[in-house]
Amino acid sequence: MKYILAIDSFKGCLTSSEAEDTVAEALNIKSNSTEAENAEIIRIPVSDGGDGMLDAFVAAMNGKKEKAEVHDPLMRKITAEYGITGDGTAIIETARACGLTLMSEKERNPLKATSYGVGELIAYAIRKGCRKFIIGLGGSGTNDTGTGMLKALENCFGRNMQERGIPEQCRFIIASDVDNPLLGPNGAAYVYGPQKGATPEMIHILERRAREFADKSSAILRHDCRNTPGAGAAGGLGYALMQYLNAQIHSGADLLLDTLGFDIIAETADVVITGEGSADRQTLMGKLPGRILKRCKDMNIPVWLIAGRINDRQQLAQAGFSRLICITPEDQSIEEAVMADTAKRNIMTAIMAV
């Protein structure tokens, strides 16, 4: 059997590599316990633009990591990593500078949290000579429509940064699986604000701020990206990148899979195993396991989906997943299930039972 492992991170629990290593160990144990030949297992660390994006893209593009002193969402100094590839492409995982995990639950306040550190990372890369950027927007803890990022770039390059040629010289690509607009019931404030600590009162304030900023920006620049799919990503950071830096948005999953040459790697596989921390009908709406399923269906390759929690089983099965493997025992609490060691044990048990 030839297995391809392309499993997204189990957010806040296991990285893509950790999940894949555990599945591979279980498959090898199963293979060695029978008279069959050892399984051939190919691991592909993956990400759709969220957690693990930096590691996945740096590995896929043979890049290296650089360190930069930036500010976190609460303007505390931290050291964050970004990547540079051989052709001078910068890889930026915005969560490294403005991620939700950089704040405790008590500290989370989207009225105060800023994307300033993301602008600092971009500035570092520009000064290193980078002119192409792949920017992953998953896992942010901010909802400032990217004003913090723009302020950092202004502080580094001056108020008239566009006139100084930065957008003309640089090409920005957004890696994201989010297609929300900036404003409205499906926008940044209403959909993502509560996840970042926003109360109902805060959501109204965030929506008003975003609308005022978009109105001002469109009047100045004479174009308007507020309704472009993905503008609401990362609390409106997608909007700022599109509106001010002419960024183009792509599916983070497809961008990485194309870079890896996934279709060529997978064409001789017997089974592809993908997964994520929590799977449901949204898995089919641009997330990495759904993108992998689509590609494998075209090649008639069975796809197993592994996850810590699985809802909407009927929709997932109808979509084409040949196996749905929930690793978490029914009687196990979420608090215990999301512990790394527990998750690894659960993966081992679930794969051994297949």
Protein backbone atom coordinates (compact mmCIF):
# COMPACT_ATOMS: atom_id res chain seq x y z
CA MET A 1 0.00 0.00 0.00
CA LYS A 2 1.18 3.48 -0.85
CA TYR A 3 -0.19 6.15 1.45
CA ILE A 4 0.06 9.91 0.96
CA LEU A 5 -0.39 11.88 4.19
CA ALA A 6 -1.52 15.49 3.76
CA ILE A 7 -3.04 16.39 7.13
CA ASP A 8 -3.62 19.96 8.25
CA SER A 9 -2.75 21.01 11.79
CA PHE A 10 -5.10 20.20 14.66
CA LYS A 11 -5.32 23.83 15.74
CA GLY A 12 -3.79 24.47 19.17
CA CYS A 13 -3.00 20.78 19.54
CA LEU A 14 -0.81 19.17 16.85
CA THR A 15 1.14 20.58 13.93
CA SER A 16 0.70 19.10 10.48
CA SER A 17 4.02 17.25 10.83
CA GLU A 18 3.14 15.88 14.29
CA ALA A 19 -0.22 14.55 13.10
CA GLU A 20 1.36 12.97 10.02
CA ASP A 21 4.22 11.40 11.99
CA THR A 22 1.71 9.79 14.34
CA VAL A 23 -0.44 8.42 11.51
CA ALA A 24 2.70 7.09 9.79
CA GLU A 25 3.81 5.34 12.98
CA ALA A 26 0.43 3.66 13.31
CA LEU A 27 0.41 2.56 9.66
CA ASN A 28 3.91 1.10 9.99
CA ILE A 29 2.95 -0.83 13.12
CA LYS A 30 -0.11 -2.22 11.32
CA SER A 31 1.97 -3.15 8.29
CA ASN A 32 4.66 -4.87 10.35
CA SER A 33 2.09 -6.88 12.27
CA THR A 34 0.95 -8.63 9.09
CA GLU A 35 2.72 -10.67 6.45
CA ALA A 36 2.24 -7.89 3.90
CA GLU A 37 5.15 -5.80 2.68
CA ASN A 38 5.90 -2.61 4.58
CA ALA A 39 3.67 0.29 3.68
CA GLU A 40 5.11 3.07 1.54
CA ILE A 41 4.28 6.33 3.29
CA ILE A 42 4.87 9.82 1.92
CA ARG A 43 4.34 12.74 4.29
CA ILE A 44 3.45 16.18 2.93
CA PRO A 45 3.25 18.87 5.67
CA VAL A 46 0.42 21.14 4.58
CA SER A 47 -1.53 24.27 5.47
CA ASP A 48 -4.30 26.33 3.88
CA GLY A 49 -2.86 29.62 5.09
CA GLY A 50 -3.48 29.20 8.81
CA ASP A 51 -1.49 27.41 11.49
CA GLY A 52 1.66 25.86 10.07
CA MET A 53 1.58 27.93 6.90
CA LEU A 54 5.13 29.21 7.33
CA ASP A 55 6.65 25.77 7.87
CA ALA A 56 4.68 24.19 5.03
CA PHE A 57 5.52 26.82 2.41
CA VAL A 58 9.17 27.17 3.46
CA ALA A 59 9.61 23.40 3.14
CA ALA A 60 7.76 23.24 -0.17
CA MET A 61 9.76 26.12 -1.67
CA ASN A 62 13.15 25.16 -0.19
CA GLY A 63 13.34 28.39 1.76
CA LYS A 64 14.87 29.38 5.05
CA LYS A 65 13.52 31.12 8.13
CA GLU A 66 14.55 34.56 9.33
CA LYS A 67 13.88 36.16 12.70
CA ALA A 68 12.53 39.66 13.20
CA GLU A 69 11.82 41.82 16.25
CA VAL A 70 8.20 42.95 15.94
CA HIS A 71 5.21 43.84 18.10
CA ASP A 72 2.43 41.43 19.05
CA PRO A 73 -1.31 42.35 19.00
CA LEU A 74 -0.93 44.26 22.27
CA MET A 75 2.25 46.06 21.08
CA ARG A 76 4.59 43.96 23.19
CA LYS A 77 7.96 43.22 21.63
CA ILE A 78 8.38 39.64 20.40
CA THR A 79 10.59 37.70 18.02
CA ALA A 80 8.69 36.35 15.03
CA GLU A 81 9.84 34.20 12.13
CA TYR A 82 9.17 34.63 8.44
CA GLY A 83 10.56 32.81 5.41
CA ILE A 84 12.64 33.71 2.38
CA THR A 85 12.96 31.39 -0.62
CA GLY A 86 15.80 31.15 -3.10
CA ASP A 87 14.06 33.43 -5.60
CA GLY A 88 13.48 36.12 -2.98
CA THR A 89 9.86 35.31 -2.15
CA ALA A 90 8.86 36.20 1.40
CA ILE A 91 6.59 33.79 3.29
CA ILE A 92 4.62 35.48 6.06
CA GLU A 93 2.26 33.72 8.46
CA THR A 94 0.43 36.68 9.94
CA ALA A 95 -0.47 34.76 13.11
CA ARG A 96 3.23 34.84 14.05
CA ALA A 97 2.79 38.59 14.67
CA CYS A 98 -0.93 39.10 15.34
CA GLY A 99 -2.16 35.62 16.25
CA LEU A 100 -4.92 34.84 18.70
CA THR A 101 -2.60 32.48 20.57
CA LEU A 102 -0.25 35.36 21.40
CA MET A 103 -2.83 36.58 23.93
CA SER A 104 -4.46 34.93 26.91
CA GLU A 105 -8.26 34.71 26.92
CA LYS A 106 -8.44 37.61 29.39
CA GLU A 107 -6.24 39.78 27.15
CA ARG A 108 -8.29 39.34 23.99
CA ASN A 109 -9.95 42.58 22.95
CA PRO A 110 -10.34 43.28 19.22
CA LEU A 111 -10.91 46.97 19.93
CA LYS A 112 -7.26 47.14 21.06
CA ALA A 113 -5.50 44.29 19.23
CA THR A 114 -3.45 45.48 16.27
CA SER A 115 -1.93 44.00 13.11
CA TYR A 116 1.06 46.36 13.44
CA GLY A 117 3.53 43.48 13.68
CA VAL A 118 2.46 42.15 10.28
CA GLY A 119 3.52 45.44 8.69
CA GLU A 120 6.84 45.14 10.47
CA LEU A 121 7.39 41.65 9.05
CA ILE A 122 6.64 42.91 5.54
CA ALA A 123 9.05 45.82 6.05
CA TYR A 124 11.81 43.46 7.22
CA ALA A 125 11.35 41.34 4.10
CA ILE A 126 11.35 44.35 1.77
CA ARG A 127 14.61 45.54 3.29
CA LYS A 128 16.02 42.03 2.73
CA GLY A 129 15.31 42.48 -0.96
CA CYS A 130 12.06 40.53 -1.22
CA ARG A 131 9.67 41.70 -3.93
CA LYS A 132 7.18 38.84 -3.94
CA PHE A 133 5.13 37.96 -0.86
CA ILE A 134 2.91 35.01 0.06
CA ILE A 135 0.91 36.03 3.12
CA GLY A 136 -1.19 33.54 5.10
CA LEU A 137 -4.10 35.06 6.99
CA GLY A 138 -5.29 32.29 9.30
CA GLY A 139 -5.38 32.39 13.09
CA SER A 140 -5.36 36.16 13.61
CA GLY A 141 -6.41 37.75 16.89
CA THR A 142 -7.14 41.16 15.37
CA ASN A 143 -10.11 42.90 13.78
CA ASP A 144 -8.56 46.26 12.86
CA THR A 145 -9.10 46.08 9.05
CA GLY A 146 -5.33 46.05 8.65
CA THR A 147 -4.88 49.62 9.85
CA GLY A 148 -2.13 48.50 12.21
CA MET A 149 -0.24 46.86 9.37
CA LEU A 150 -0.56 50.00 7.23
CA LYS A 151 0.62 52.19 10.11
CA ALA A 152 3.77 50.09 10.49
CA LEU A 153 4.50 50.37 6.76
CA GLU A 154 3.90 54.12 6.92
CA ASN A 155 6.32 54.42 9.83
CA CYS A 156 8.92 52.46 7.86
CA PHE A 157 8.49 53.97 4.41
CA GLY A 158 6.64 57.25 4.89
CA ARG A 159 3.03 58.30 4.50
CA ASN A 160 3.18 58.29 0.71
CA MET A 161 4.48 54.74 0.53
CA GLN A 162 2.58 54.11 -2.71
CA GLU A 163 4.24 57.08 -4.37
CA ARG A 164 7.61 55.67 -3.29
CA GLY A 165 6.95 52.62 -5.41
CA ILE A 166 6.45 49.85 -2.85
CA PRO A 167 3.24 48.39 -4.34
CA GLU A 168 4.60 48.76 -7.90
CA GLN A 169 7.80 46.93 -7.00
CA CYS A 170 6.18 44.26 -4.85
CA ARG A 171 3.65 41.59 -5.65
CA PHE A 172 1.46 40.39 -2.79
CA ILE A 173 -0.41 37.07 -2.80
CA ILE A 174 -2.86 36.26 -0.02
CA ALA A 175 -3.15 32.60 0.99
CA SER A 176 -6.53 32.10 2.63
CA ASP A 177 -9.56 29.81 2.60
CA VAL A 178 -11.91 32.62 3.67
CA ASP A 179 -14.22 34.35 1.19
CA ASN A 180 -16.06 36.71 3.55
CA PRO A 181 -16.53 40.37 2.57
CA LEU A 182 -15.35 43.12 4.90
CA LEU A 183 -18.76 44.30 6.09
CA GLY A 184 -22.23 43.01 6.93
CA PRO A 185 -23.57 39.86 8.59
CA ASN A 186 -20.96 37.72 6.80
CA GLY A 187 -18.16 40.21 7.36
CA ALA A 188 -15.13 40.40 9.63
CA ALA A 189 -16.80 41.85 12.72
CA TYR A 190 -19.94 39.71 12.87
CA VAL A 191 -18.41 36.38 11.85
CA TYR A 192 -14.96 36.51 13.42
CA GLY A 193 -15.27 39.16 16.13
CA PRO A 194 -16.80 36.81 18.74
CA GLN A 195 -13.94 34.32 18.25
CA LYS A 196 -11.52 37.09 19.16
CA GLY A 197 -13.25 38.22 22.32
CA ALA A 198 -15.74 40.77 20.93
CA THR A 199 -18.93 41.40 22.85
CA PRO A 200 -22.12 42.39 20.95
CA GLU A 201 -21.37 46.03 21.75
CA MET A 202 -17.81 45.67 20.44
CA ILE A 203 -19.07 44.10 17.21
CA HIS A 204 -21.14 47.20 16.41
CA ILE A 205 -18.13 49.42 17.06
CA LEU A 206 -15.86 47.23 14.91
CA GLU A 207 -18.39 47.27 12.07
CA ARG A 208 -18.69 51.06 12.22
CA ARG A 209 -14.93 51.51 12.26
CA ALA A 210 -14.51 49.18 9.28
CA ARG A 211 -17.21 50.97 7.29
CA GLU A 212 -15.72 54.40 8.00
CA PHE A 213 -12.24 53.19 7.03
CA ALA A 214 -13.54 51.63 3.80
CA ASP A 215 -15.43 54.81 2.90
CA LYS A 216 -12.34 56.93 3.49
CA SER A 217 -10.06 54.53 1.64
CA SER A 218 -12.28 54.28 -1.43
CA ALA A 219 -12.55 58.07 -1.60
CA ILE A 220 -8.76 58.45 -1.48
CA LEU A 221 -7.77 55.58 -3.79
CA ARG A 222 -10.84 55.67 -6.07
CA HIS A 223 -11.42 51.94 -5.95
CA ASP A 224 -13.15 49.74 -3.39
CA CYS A 225 -12.32 46.19 -2.31
CA ARG A 226 -14.75 45.92 0.61
CA ASN A 227 -16.95 43.37 -1.18
CA THR A 228 -14.12 41.35 -2.73
CA PRO A 229 -14.23 37.73 -1.45
CA GLY A 230 -11.64 37.41 1.30
CA ALA A 231 -11.68 41.08 2.31
CA GLY A 232 -12.98 40.02 5.73
CA ALA A 233 -10.16 37.53 6.30
CA ALA A 234 -8.05 38.05 9.43
CA GLY A 235 -10.33 40.77 10.75
CA GLY A 236 -10.16 42.81 7.56
CA LEU A 237 -6.43 42.41 7.02
CA GLY A 238 -7.35 40.92 3.66
CA TYR A 239 -9.11 44.17 2.78
CA ALA A 240 -6.10 46.35 3.60
CA LEU A 241 -3.77 44.13 1.56
CA MET A 242 -6.09 44.26 -1.44
CA GLN A 243 -7.06 47.92 -1.17
CA TYR A 244 -3.63 49.40 -0.47
CA LEU A 245 -1.12 46.82 -1.76
CA ASN A 246 -3.04 45.42 -4.74
CA ALA A 247 -2.86 41.92 -3.29
CA GLN A 248 -4.40 38.98 -5.14
CA ILE A 249 -6.15 36.31 -3.08
CA HIS A 250 -5.76 32.58 -3.76
CA SER A 251 -6.86 29.43 -2.00
CA GLY A 252 -4.02 28.76 0.40
CA ALA A 253 -4.57 25.02 0.02
CA ASP A 254 -4.45 25.06 -3.78
CA LEU A 255 -1.48 27.40 -3.79
CA LEU A 256 0.53 25.02 -1.62
CA LEU A 257 -0.65 21.86 -3.40
CA ASP A 258 0.32 23.33 -6.77
CA THR A 259 3.71 24.37 -5.40
CA LEU A 260 4.28 20.86 -4.08
CA GLY A 261 3.20 19.18 -7.29
CA PHE A 262 0.64 17.26 -5.26
CA ASP A 263 -1.21 15.79 -8.25
CA ILE A 264 1.97 14.19 -9.57
CA ILE A 265 2.97 12.86 -6.13
CA ALA A 266 -0.49 11.42 -5.46
CA GLU A 267 -1.28 9.87 -8.86
CA THR A 268 0.19 6.46 -7.90
CA ALA A 269 -1.20 6.40 -4.34
CA ASP A 270 -3.54 3.70 -3.07
CA VAL A 271 -4.93 5.99 -0.36
CA VAL A 272 -4.59 9.67 0.54
CA ILE A 273 -5.15 10.53 4.20
CA THR A 274 -6.05 14.11 5.02
CA GLY A 275 -7.61 15.77 8.04
CA GLU A 276 -7.96 18.66 10.46
CA GLY A 277 -8.89 19.30 14.06
CA SER A 278 -12.62 19.66 13.49
CA ALA A 279 -14.39 18.58 10.30
CA ASP A 280 -17.91 19.49 9.16
CA ARG A 281 -19.70 20.81 6.07
CA GLN A 282 -17.34 23.82 6.06
CA THR A 283 -14.52 21.38 5.29
CA LEU A 284 -15.99 21.25 1.78
CA MET A 285 -15.96 25.06 1.41
CA GLY A 286 -12.36 25.71 0.46
CA LYS A 287 -10.57 24.08 3.39
CA LEU A 288 -7.54 21.94 2.72
CA PRO A 289 -9.16 18.48 3.16
CA GLY A 290 -11.94 19.51 0.78
CA ARG A 291 -9.45 20.72 -1.83
CA ILE A 292 -7.50 17.47 -1.55
CA LEU A 293 -10.71 15.46 -1.93
CA LYS A 294 -11.59 17.29 -5.14
CA ARG A 295 -8.20 16.61 -6.69
CA CYS A 296 -8.19 12.95 -5.66
CA LYS A 297 -11.72 12.34 -6.96
CA ASP A 298 -10.53 13.46 -10.38
CA MET A 299 -7.80 10.78 -10.13
CA ASN A 300 -10.09 8.09 -8.61
CA ILE A 301 -7.96 7.87 -5.45
CA PRO A 302 -9.72 7.01 -2.14
CA VAL A 303 -9.43 9.70 0.54
CA TRP A 304 -9.66 9.13 4.28
CA LEU A 305 -10.58 12.04 6.53
CA ILE A 306 -9.21 12.03 10.07
CA ALA A 307 -10.29 14.61 12.66
CA GLY A 308 -10.63 15.22 16.36
CA ARG A 309 -14.32 15.95 15.87
CA ILE A 310 -16.58 15.17 12.92
CA ASN A 311 -20.02 16.66 12.32
CA ASP A 312 -22.23 16.58 9.19
CA ARG A 313 -21.11 13.04 8.44
CA GLN A 314 -23.72 12.51 5.75
CA GLN A 315 -22.58 15.55 3.74
CA LEU A 316 -18.93 14.56 4.06
CA ALA A 317 -19.63 10.99 2.97
CA GLN A 318 -21.77 12.13 0.05
CA ALA A 319 -18.97 14.48 -1.01
CA GLY A 320 -16.75 11.46 -1.52
CA PHE A 321 -14.60 10.74 1.54
CA SER A 322 -14.22 6.96 1.61
CA ARG A 323 -13.56 6.85 5.37
CA LEU A 324 -14.45 9.29 8.14
CA ILE A 325 -12.25 8.63 11.17
CA CYS A 326 -13.05 10.51 14.37
CA ILE A 327 -10.15 9.94 16.76
CA THR A 328 -11.80 11.19 19.96
CA PRO A 329 -13.67 8.67 22.17
CA GLU A 330 -17.25 9.69 22.90
CA ASP A 331 -16.67 9.80 26.65
CA GLN A 332 -13.55 12.00 26.46
CA SER A 333 -13.76 15.68 27.40
CA ILE A 334 -12.64 18.36 24.95
CA GLU A 335 -10.11 19.61 27.50
CA GLU A 336 -8.43 16.22 27.57
CA ALA A 337 -8.81 15.54 23.85
CA VAL A 338 -6.90 18.68 22.79
CA MET A 339 -3.83 17.77 24.84
CA ALA A 340 -1.06 16.84 22.39
CA ASP A 341 -0.15 13.50 23.99
CA THR A 342 -3.79 12.50 24.21
CA ALA A 343 -4.43 13.41 20.59
CA LYS A 344 -1.45 11.33 19.47
CA ARG A 345 -2.68 8.32 21.44
CA ASN A 346 -6.16 8.78 19.97
CA ILE A 347 -4.73 8.90 16.43
CA MET A 348 -2.73 5.72 17.05
CA THR A 349 -5.79 3.89 18.37
CA ALA A 350 -8.07 5.08 15.56
CA ILE A 351 -5.69 4.20 12.73
CA MET A 352 -4.88 0.80 14.22
CA ALA A 353 -8.61 0.05 14.30
CA VAL A 354 -9.20 0.83 10.60
